[in-house]
């Protein structure tokens, strides 16, 4: 994997997981304690990083960004993305 893209992928994936955990935790609090804007504070970054983390992951594996369409399959698509072979160390491709 290309190291610079790998580092960006790890950062975005961690942000996505933390925002998802906070958004889920906020659903269990009473409605009057949280406003919609507070919940959006977690959901918007999670949605952004849901798409940027796989983008950097594909870049690190030297794969086409067309593989991003698999995100429409949700968990199945993520599993397929994870199973892709790493082509970053193949000589002659750029």
Protein backbone atom coordinates (compact mmCIF):
# COMPACT_ATOMS: atom_id res chain seq x y z
CA UNK A 1 0.00 0.00 0.00
CA UNK A 2 1.11 3.54 -0.64
CA UNK A 3 1.99 4.78 2.83
CA UNK A 4 0.68 8.35 2.57
CA UNK A 5 -2.74 7.17 1.40
CA UNK A 6 -2.75 4.43 4.01
CA UNK A 7 -2.25 7.00 6.79
CA UNK A 8 -5.10 9.14 5.43
CA UNK A 9 -7.34 6.07 5.21
CA UNK A 10 -6.65 5.11 8.83
CA UNK A 11 -7.36 8.65 10.03
CA UNK A 12 -10.66 8.92 8.13
CA UNK A 13 -11.76 5.44 9.14
CA UNK A 14 -11.15 6.24 12.81
CA UNK A 15 -13.08 9.49 12.56
CA UNK A 16 -15.96 7.63 10.90
CA UNK A 17 -16.10 5.00 13.67
CA UNK A 18 -15.97 7.59 16.47
CA UNK A 19 -18.71 9.72 14.87
CA UNK A 20 -20.86 6.65 14.31
CA UNK A 21 -20.45 5.60 17.94
CA UNK A 22 -21.35 9.09 19.18
CA UNK A 23 -24.39 9.27 16.90
CA UNK A 24 -25.64 5.89 18.10
CA UNK A 25 -25.01 6.82 21.73
CA UNK A 26 -26.92 10.08 21.28
CA UNK A 27 -30.01 8.12 20.25
CA UNK A 28 -30.28 6.62 23.73
CA UNK A 29 -30.35 9.98 25.51
CA UNK A 30 -33.68 11.68 26.22
CA UNK A 31 -35.01 13.73 23.32
CA UNK A 32 -35.11 17.00 25.24
CA UNK A 33 -31.37 16.86 26.00
CA UNK A 34 -30.24 16.76 22.40
CA UNK A 35 -31.17 18.94 19.54
CA UNK A 36 -31.10 17.92 15.91
CA UNK A 37 -28.07 20.11 15.30
CA UNK A 38 -26.15 18.25 17.99
CA UNK A 39 -26.90 14.91 16.32
CA UNK A 40 -25.95 16.32 12.93
CA UNK A 41 -22.63 17.30 14.49
CA UNK A 42 -21.82 13.57 14.51
CA UNK A 43 -23.72 12.36 11.46
CA UNK A 44 -22.31 14.78 8.88
CA UNK A 45 -18.63 13.97 9.54
CA UNK A 46 -19.50 10.27 9.64
CA UNK A 47 -21.15 10.45 6.21
CA UNK A 48 -18.24 12.42 4.76
CA UNK A 49 -15.63 10.00 6.08
CA UNK A 50 -17.76 7.02 4.99
CA UNK A 51 -16.88 8.03 1.43
CA UNK A 52 -13.40 9.51 1.90
CA UNK A 53 -11.94 6.55 3.85
CA UNK A 54 -12.61 4.04 1.03
CA UNK A 55 -11.36 6.61 -1.49
CA UNK A 56 -7.97 6.74 0.25
CA UNK A 57 -8.04 2.95 0.73
CA UNK A 58 -8.46 2.43 -3.01
CA UNK A 59 -5.74 4.97 -3.73
CA UNK A 60 -3.39 3.17 -1.36
CA UNK A 61 -4.08 -0.13 -3.14
CA UNK A 62 -3.66 1.57 -6.53
CA UNK A 63 -7.20 0.65 -7.61
CA UNK A 64 -9.71 2.48 -9.78
CA UNK A 65 -12.14 4.83 -8.01
CA UNK A 66 -14.97 3.07 -9.86
CA UNK A 67 -14.83 0.52 -7.05
CA UNK A 68 -16.50 3.20 -4.91
CA UNK A 69 -19.83 2.11 -6.41
CA UNK A 70 -19.63 -0.94 -4.15
CA UNK A 71 -20.37 1.35 -1.21
CA UNK A 72 -23.98 1.25 -2.34
CA UNK A 73 -24.03 -2.37 -1.14
CA UNK A 74 -23.14 -1.17 2.37
CA UNK A 75 -21.44 -3.90 4.45
CA UNK A 76 -21.16 -6.35 1.54
CA UNK A 77 -19.51 -3.66 -0.57
CA UNK A 78 -17.05 -2.82 2.20
CA UNK A 79 -16.16 -6.52 2.52
CA UNK A 80 -15.47 -6.70 -1.22
CA UNK A 81 -13.29 -3.57 -1.04
CA UNK A 82 -11.27 -5.06 1.80
CA UNK A 83 -10.72 -8.26 -0.19
CA UNK A 84 -9.20 -6.46 -3.19
CA UNK A 85 -5.59 -7.32 -3.92
CA UNK A 86 -2.93 -4.67 -3.40
CA UNK A 87 -1.60 -3.46 -6.75
CA UNK A 88 0.60 -0.66 -5.42
CA UNK A 89 3.80 -2.69 -5.60
CA UNK A 90 3.34 -3.91 -9.21
CA UNK A 91 6.12 -2.52 -11.39
CA UNK A 92 5.08 -0.61 -14.50
CA UNK A 93 1.72 0.72 -13.26
CA UNK A 94 1.16 4.25 -12.13
